[in-house]
């Protein structure tokens, strides 16, 4: 496997890991923050709040699973 392929696999595992929905939601929160800043809203607070809410919901969702 090439270096680029190994790096791509590492990056995928690092960013997405075992919860693609959480990675997608974090990317969406980043995009919403960028749009809010672009239209002139003082949105420095949005991303940290969104990430805390996303992580809390992921923990609560996983705590309910019985493996």
PDB file of N, CA and C in Angstrom:
ATOM      1  N   UNK A   1       0.854  -1.169   0.000  1.00  0.00           N
ATOM      2  CA  UNK A   1       0.000   0.000   0.000  1.00  0.00           C
ATOM      3  C   UNK A   1       0.902   1.235   0.000  1.00  0.00           C
ATOM      4  N   UNK A   2       0.523   2.213  -0.767  1.00  0.00           N
ATOM      5  CA  UNK A   2       1.353   3.409  -0.889  1.00  0.00           C
ATOM      6  C   UNK A   2       1.250   4.278   0.360  1.00  0.00           C
ATOM      7  N   UNK A   3       2.176   5.190   0.448  1.00  0.00           N
ATOM      8  CA  UNK A   3       2.170   6.131   1.572  1.00  0.00           C
ATOM      9  C   UNK A   3       0.884   6.943   1.589  1.00  0.00           C
ATOM     10  N   UNK A   4       0.439   7.382   0.410  1.00  0.00           N
ATOM     11  CA  UNK A   4      -0.779   8.185   0.329  1.00  0.00           C
ATOM     12  C   UNK A   4      -1.995   7.368   0.771  1.00  0.00           C
ATOM     13  N   UNK A   5      -2.038   6.115   0.402  1.00  0.00           N
ATOM     14  CA  UNK A   5      -3.133   5.251   0.824  1.00  0.00           C
ATOM     15  C   UNK A   5      -3.155   5.024   2.321  1.00  0.00           C
ATOM     16  N   UNK A   6      -1.971   4.795   2.889  1.00  0.00           N
ATOM     17  CA  UNK A   6      -1.899   4.613   4.353  1.00  0.00           C
ATOM     18  C   UNK A   6      -2.302   5.881   5.080  1.00  0.00           C
ATOM     19  N   UNK A   7      -1.867   7.039   4.560  1.00  0.00           N
ATOM     20  CA  UNK A   7      -2.239   8.294   5.200  1.00  0.00           C
ATOM     21  C   UNK A   7      -3.742   8.532   5.097  1.00  0.00           C
ATOM     22  N   UNK A   8      -4.320   8.210   3.948  1.00  0.00           N
ATOM     23  CA  UNK A   8      -5.765   8.363   3.779  1.00  0.00           C
ATOM     24  C   UNK A   8      -6.542   7.492   4.749  1.00  0.00           C
ATOM     25  N   UNK A   9      -6.086   6.247   4.925  1.00  0.00           N
ATOM     26  CA  UNK A   9      -6.755   5.347   5.880  1.00  0.00           C
ATOM     27  C   UNK A   9      -6.613   5.873   7.313  1.00  0.00           C
ATOM     28  N   UNK A  10      -5.418   6.378   7.665  1.00  0.00           N
ATOM     29  CA  UNK A  10      -5.230   6.957   9.001  1.00  0.00           C
ATOM     30  C   UNK A  10      -6.144   8.156   9.207  1.00  0.00           C
ATOM     31  N   UNK A  11      -6.200   9.054   8.211  1.00  0.00           N
ATOM     32  CA  UNK A  11      -7.020  10.261   8.336  1.00  0.00           C
ATOM     33  C   UNK A  11      -8.489   9.888   8.495  1.00  0.00           C
ATOM     34  N   UNK A  12      -8.958   8.904   7.731  1.00  0.00           N
ATOM     35  CA  UNK A  12     -10.352   8.463   7.837  1.00  0.00           C
ATOM     36  C   UNK A  12     -10.629   7.921   9.235  1.00  0.00           C
ATOM     37  N   UNK A  13      -9.770   7.052   9.738  1.00  0.00           N
ATOM     38  CA  UNK A  13      -9.964   6.481  11.068  1.00  0.00           C
ATOM     39  C   UNK A  13      -9.874   7.546  12.156  1.00  0.00           C
ATOM     40  N   UNK A  14      -8.995   8.533  11.976  1.00  0.00           N
ATOM     41  CA  UNK A  14      -8.827   9.572  12.983  1.00  0.00           C
ATOM     42  C   UNK A  14     -10.036  10.493  13.029  1.00  0.00           C
ATOM     43  N   UNK A  15     -10.533  10.899  11.865  1.00  0.00           N
ATOM     44  CA  UNK A  15     -11.639  11.861  11.815  1.00  0.00           C
ATOM     45  C   UNK A  15     -12.973  11.165  12.045  1.00  0.00           C
ATOM     46  N   UNK A  16     -13.228  10.099  11.337  1.00  0.00           N
ATOM     47  CA  UNK A  16     -14.535   9.449  11.398  1.00  0.00           C
ATOM     48  C   UNK A  16     -14.588   8.431  12.528  1.00  0.00           C
ATOM     49  N   UNK A  17     -13.556   7.629  12.650  1.00  0.00           N
ATOM     50  CA  UNK A  17     -13.526   6.630  13.716  1.00  0.00           C
ATOM     51  C   UNK A  17     -14.650   5.643  13.573  1.00  0.00           C
ATOM     52  N   UNK A  18     -15.377   5.382  14.654  1.00  0.00           N
ATOM     53  CA  UNK A  18     -16.478   4.429  14.589  1.00  0.00           C
ATOM     54  C   UNK A  18     -17.831   5.112  14.690  1.00  0.00           C
ATOM     55  N   UNK A  19     -17.886   6.439  14.504  1.00  0.00           N
ATOM     56  CA  UNK A  19     -19.157   7.154  14.551  1.00  0.00           C
ATOM     57  C   UNK A  19     -19.235   8.174  13.415  1.00  0.00           C
ATOM     58  N   UNK A  20     -19.564   7.727  12.209  1.00  0.00           N
ATOM     59  CA  UNK A  20     -19.639   8.649  11.069  1.00  0.00           C
ATOM     60  C   UNK A  20     -20.688   9.749  11.253  1.00  0.00           C
ATOM     61  N   UNK A  21     -21.769   9.447  11.965  1.00  0.00           N
ATOM     62  CA  UNK A  21     -22.805  10.456  12.180  1.00  0.00           C
ATOM     63  C   UNK A  21     -22.263  11.626  13.006  1.00  0.00           C
ATOM     64  N   UNK A  22     -21.456  11.325  13.996  1.00  0.00           N
ATOM     65  CA  UNK A  22     -20.868  12.380  14.816  1.00  0.00           C
ATOM     66  C   UNK A  22     -19.888  13.218  14.006  1.00  0.00           C
ATOM     67  N   UNK A  23     -19.093  12.579  13.160  1.00  0.00           N
ATOM     68  CA  UNK A  23     -18.157  13.316  12.306  1.00  0.00           C
ATOM     69  C   UNK A  23     -18.908  14.211  11.329  1.00  0.00           C
ATOM     70  N   UNK A  24     -19.990  13.708  10.755  1.00  0.00           N
ATOM     71  CA  UNK A  24     -20.794  14.505   9.825  1.00  0.00           C
ATOM     72  C   UNK A  24     -21.453  15.684  10.540  1.00  0.00           C
ATOM     73  N   UNK A  25     -21.970  15.458  11.734  1.00  0.00           N
ATOM     74  CA  UNK A  25     -22.603  16.534  12.495  1.00  0.00           C
ATOM     75  C   UNK A  25     -21.586  17.600  12.906  1.00  0.00           C
ATOM     76  N   UNK A  26     -20.384  17.188  13.268  1.00  0.00           N
ATOM     77  CA  UNK A  26     -19.342  18.159  13.618  1.00  0.00           C
ATOM     78  C   UNK A  26     -18.943  18.981  12.397  1.00  0.00           C
ATOM     79  N   UNK A  27     -18.863  18.339  11.238  1.00  0.00           N
ATOM     80  CA  UNK A  27     -18.584  19.077  10.005  1.00  0.00           C
ATOM     81  C   UNK A  27     -19.694  20.053   9.665  1.00  0.00           C
ATOM     82  N   UNK A  28     -20.934  19.634   9.885  1.00  0.00           N
ATOM     83  CA  UNK A  28     -22.072  20.528   9.648  1.00  0.00           C
ATOM     84  C   UNK A  28     -22.038  21.724  10.605  1.00  0.00           C
ATOM     85  N   UNK A  29     -21.677  21.480  11.863  1.00  0.00           N
ATOM     86  CA  UNK A  29     -21.576  22.580  12.829  1.00  0.00           C
ATOM     87  C   UNK A  29     -20.491  23.567  12.412  1.00  0.00           C
ATOM     88  N   UNK A  30     -19.393  23.040  11.899  1.00  0.00           N
ATOM     89  CA  UNK A  30     -18.325  23.908  11.405  1.00  0.00           C
ATOM     90  C   UNK A  30     -18.816  24.735  10.213  1.00  0.00           C
ATOM     91  N   UNK A  31     -19.554  24.112   9.319  1.00  0.00           N
ATOM     92  CA  UNK A  31     -20.111  24.828   8.174  1.00  0.00           C
ATOM     93  C   UNK A  31     -21.113  25.895   8.577  1.00  0.00           C
ATOM     94  N   UNK A  32     -21.983  25.587   9.530  1.00  0.00           N
ATOM     95  CA  UNK A  32     -22.961  26.577  10.013  1.00  0.00           C
ATOM     96  C   UNK A  32     -22.248  27.759  10.640  1.00  0.00           C
ATOM     97  N   UNK A  33     -21.216  27.481  11.404  1.00  0.00           N
ATOM     98  CA  UNK A  33     -20.439  28.561  12.012  1.00  0.00           C
ATOM     99  C   UNK A  33     -19.822  29.451  10.943  1.00  0.00           C
ATOM    100  N   UNK A  34     -19.276  28.849   9.903  1.00  0.00           N
ATOM    101  CA  UNK A  34     -18.668  29.620   8.818  1.00  0.00           C
ATOM    102  C   UNK A  34     -19.704  30.488   8.113  1.00  0.00           C
ATOM    103  N   UNK A  35     -20.882  29.933   7.873  1.00  0.00           N
ATOM    104  CA  UNK A  35     -21.938  30.717   7.208  1.00  0.00           C
ATOM    105  C   UNK A  35     -22.386  31.873   8.098  1.00  0.00           C
ATOM    106  N   UNK A  36     -22.564  31.610   9.375  1.00  0.00           N
ATOM    107  CA  UNK A  36     -22.980  32.678  10.295  1.00  0.00           C
ATOM    108  C   UNK A  36     -21.956  33.810  10.332  1.00  0.00           C
ATOM    109  N   UNK A  37     -20.686  33.477  10.381  1.00  0.00           N
ATOM    110  CA  UNK A  37     -19.635  34.494  10.397  1.00  0.00           C
ATOM    111  C   UNK A  37     -19.613  35.248   9.072  1.00  0.00           C
ATOM    112  N   UNK A  38     -19.849  34.533   7.981  1.00  0.00           N
ATOM    113  CA  UNK A  38     -19.827  35.164   6.659  1.00  0.00           C
ATOM    114  C   UNK A  38     -20.935  36.212   6.507  1.00  0.00           C
ATOM    115  N   UNK A  39     -22.093  35.960   7.106  1.00  0.00           N
ATOM    116  CA  UNK A  39     -23.190  36.928   6.997  1.00  0.00           C
ATOM    117  C   UNK A  39     -23.115  38.018   8.056  1.00  0.00           C
ATOM    118  N   UNK A  40     -22.105  37.969   8.894  1.00  0.00           N
ATOM    119  CA  UNK A  40     -21.878  39.052   9.833  1.00  0.00           C
ATOM    120  C   UNK A  40     -22.336  38.816  11.256  1.00  0.00           C
ATOM    121  N   UNK A  41     -22.759  37.600  11.565  1.00  0.00           N
ATOM    122  CA  UNK A  41     -23.186  37.279  12.927  1.00  0.00           C
ATOM    123  C   UNK A  41     -21.948  37.018  13.777  1.00  0.00           C
ATOM    124  N   UNK A  42     -21.947  37.516  14.995  1.00  0.00           N
ATOM    125  CA  UNK A  42     -20.854  37.256  15.924  1.00  0.00           C
ATOM    126  C   UNK A  42     -21.075  35.865  16.529  1.00  0.00           C
ATOM    127  N   UNK A  43     -20.587  34.833  15.830  1.00  0.00           N
ATOM    128  CA  UNK A  43     -20.934  33.448  16.157  1.00  0.00           C
ATOM    129  C   UNK A  43     -19.772  32.668  16.746  1.00  0.00           C
ATOM    130  N   UNK A  44     -18.889  33.312  17.475  1.00  0.00           N
ATOM    131  CA  UNK A  44     -17.735  32.615  18.045  1.00  0.00           C
ATOM    132  C   UNK A  44     -18.176  31.546  19.036  1.00  0.00           C
ATOM    133  N   UNK A  45     -19.335  31.686  19.606  1.00  0.00           N
ATOM    134  CA  UNK A  45     -19.820  30.799  20.640  1.00  0.00           C
ATOM    135  C   UNK A  45     -20.502  29.551  20.092  1.00  0.00           C
ATOM    136  N   UNK A  46     -20.909  29.568  18.824  1.00  0.00           N
ATOM    137  CA  UNK A  46     -21.734  28.490  18.290  1.00  0.00           C
ATOM    138  C   UNK A  46     -20.996  27.153  18.221  1.00  0.00           C
ATOM    139  N   UNK A  47     -19.789  27.142  17.695  1.00  0.00           N
ATOM    140  CA  UNK A  47     -19.069  25.876  17.506  1.00  0.00           C
ATOM    141  C   UNK A  47     -18.775  25.161  18.828  1.00  0.00           C
ATOM    142  N   UNK A  48     -18.253  25.825  19.857  1.00  0.00           N
ATOM    143  CA  UNK A  48     -18.026  25.094  21.118  1.00  0.00           C
ATOM    144  C   UNK A  48     -19.317  24.528  21.723  1.00  0.00           C
ATOM    145  N   UNK A  49     -20.394  25.300  21.651  1.00  0.00           N
ATOM    146  CA  UNK A  49     -21.671  24.810  22.185  1.00  0.00           C
ATOM    147  C   UNK A  49     -22.160  23.612  21.385  1.00  0.00           C
ATOM    148  N   UNK A  50     -22.064  23.703  20.062  1.00  0.00           N
ATOM    149  CA  UNK A  50     -22.511  22.598  19.203  1.00  0.00           C
ATOM    150  C   UNK A  50     -21.706  21.332  19.468  1.00  0.00           C
ATOM    151  N   UNK A  51     -20.404  21.456  19.625  1.00  0.00           N
ATOM    152  CA  UNK A  51     -19.561  20.281  19.866  1.00  0.00           C
ATOM    153  C   UNK A  51     -19.879  19.648  21.214  1.00  0.00           C
ATOM    154  N   UNK A  52     -20.084  20.458  22.237  1.00  0.00           N
ATOM    155  CA  UNK A  52     -20.434  19.912  23.557  1.00  0.00           C
ATOM    156  C   UNK A  52     -21.768  19.170  23.481  1.00  0.00           C
ATOM    157  N   UNK A  53     -22.743  19.744  22.787  1.00  0.00           N
ATOM    158  CA  UNK A  53     -24.049  19.085  22.643  1.00  0.00           C
ATOM    159  C   UNK A  53     -23.909  17.787  21.856  1.00  0.00           C
ATOM    160  N   UNK A  54     -23.140  17.813  20.772  1.00  0.00           N
ATOM    161  CA  UNK A  54     -22.944  16.601  19.971  1.00  0.00           C
ATOM    162  C   UNK A  54     -22.256  15.505  20.772  1.00  0.00           C
ATOM    163  N   UNK A  55     -21.214  15.855  21.503  1.00  0.00           N
ATOM    164  CA  UNK A  55     -20.508  14.847  22.298  1.00  0.00           C
ATOM    165  C   UNK A  55     -21.381  14.292  23.418  1.00  0.00           C
ATOM    166  N   UNK A  56     -22.153  15.165  24.057  1.00  0.00           N
ATOM    167  CA  UNK A  56     -23.049  14.694  25.120  1.00  0.00           C
ATOM    168  C   UNK A  56     -24.105  13.755  24.550  1.00  0.00           C
ATOM    169  N   UNK A  57     -24.649  14.087  23.394  1.00  0.00           N
ATOM    170  CA  UNK A  57     -25.661  13.213  22.800  1.00  0.00           C
ATOM    171  C   UNK A  57     -25.049  11.871  22.372  1.00  0.00           C
ATOM    172  N   UNK A  58     -23.808  11.888  21.889  1.00  0.00           N
ATOM    173  CA  UNK A  58     -23.151  10.634  21.507  1.00  0.00           C
ATOM    174  C   UNK A  58     -22.886   9.764  22.733  1.00  0.00           C
ATOM    175  N   UNK A  59     -22.471  10.366  23.823  1.00  0.00           N
ATOM    176  CA  UNK A  59     -22.215   9.606  25.042  1.00  0.00           C
ATOM    177  C   UNK A  59     -23.511   9.015  25.584  1.00  0.00           C
ATOM    178  N   UNK A  60     -24.572   9.814  25.594  1.00  0.00           N
ATOM    179  CA  UNK A  60     -25.857   9.309  26.080  1.00  0.00           C
ATOM    180  C   UNK A  60     -26.393   8.204  25.174  1.00  0.00           C
ATOM    181  N   UNK A  61     -26.207   8.347  23.876  1.00  0.00           N
ATOM    182  CA  UNK A  61     -26.661   7.320  22.937  1.00  0.00           C
ATOM    183  C   UNK A  61     -25.888   6.019  23.155  1.00  0.00           C
ATOM    184  N   UNK A  62     -24.576   6.124  23.340  1.00  0.00           N
ATOM    185  CA  UNK A  62     -23.761   4.924  23.547  1.00  0.00           C
ATOM    186  C   UNK A  62     -23.972   4.320  24.938  1.00  0.00           C
ATOM    187  N   UNK A  63     -24.319   5.134  25.912  1.00  0.00           N
ATOM    188  CA  UNK A  63     -24.560   4.605  27.258  1.00  0.00           C
ATOM    189  C   UNK A  63     -25.824   3.749  27.277  1.00  0.00           C
ATOM    190  N   UNK A  64     -26.752   4.016  26.381  1.00  0.00           N
ATOM    191  CA  UNK A  64     -27.977   3.248  26.322  1.00  0.00           C
ATOM    192  C   UNK A  64     -27.815   1.906  25.634  1.00  0.00           C
ATOM    193  N   UNK A  65     -26.719   1.715  24.918  1.00  0.00           N
ATOM    194  CA  UNK A  65     -26.475   0.445  24.226  1.00  0.00           C
ATOM    195  C   UNK A  65     -25.996  -0.605  25.207  1.00  0.00           C
ATOM    196  N   UNK A  66     -26.454  -1.812  25.001  1.00  0.00           N
ATOM    197  CA  UNK A  66     -25.938  -2.908  25.829  1.00  0.00           C
ATOM    198  C   UNK A  66     -25.236  -3.889  24.898  1.00  0.00           C
ATOM    199  N   UNK A  67     -23.919  -3.875  24.918  1.00  0.00           N
ATOM    200  CA  UNK A  67     -23.123  -4.762  24.049  1.00  0.00           C
ATOM    201  C   UNK A  67     -22.742  -6.021  24.754  1.00  0.00           C
TER     202      UNK A  67
END
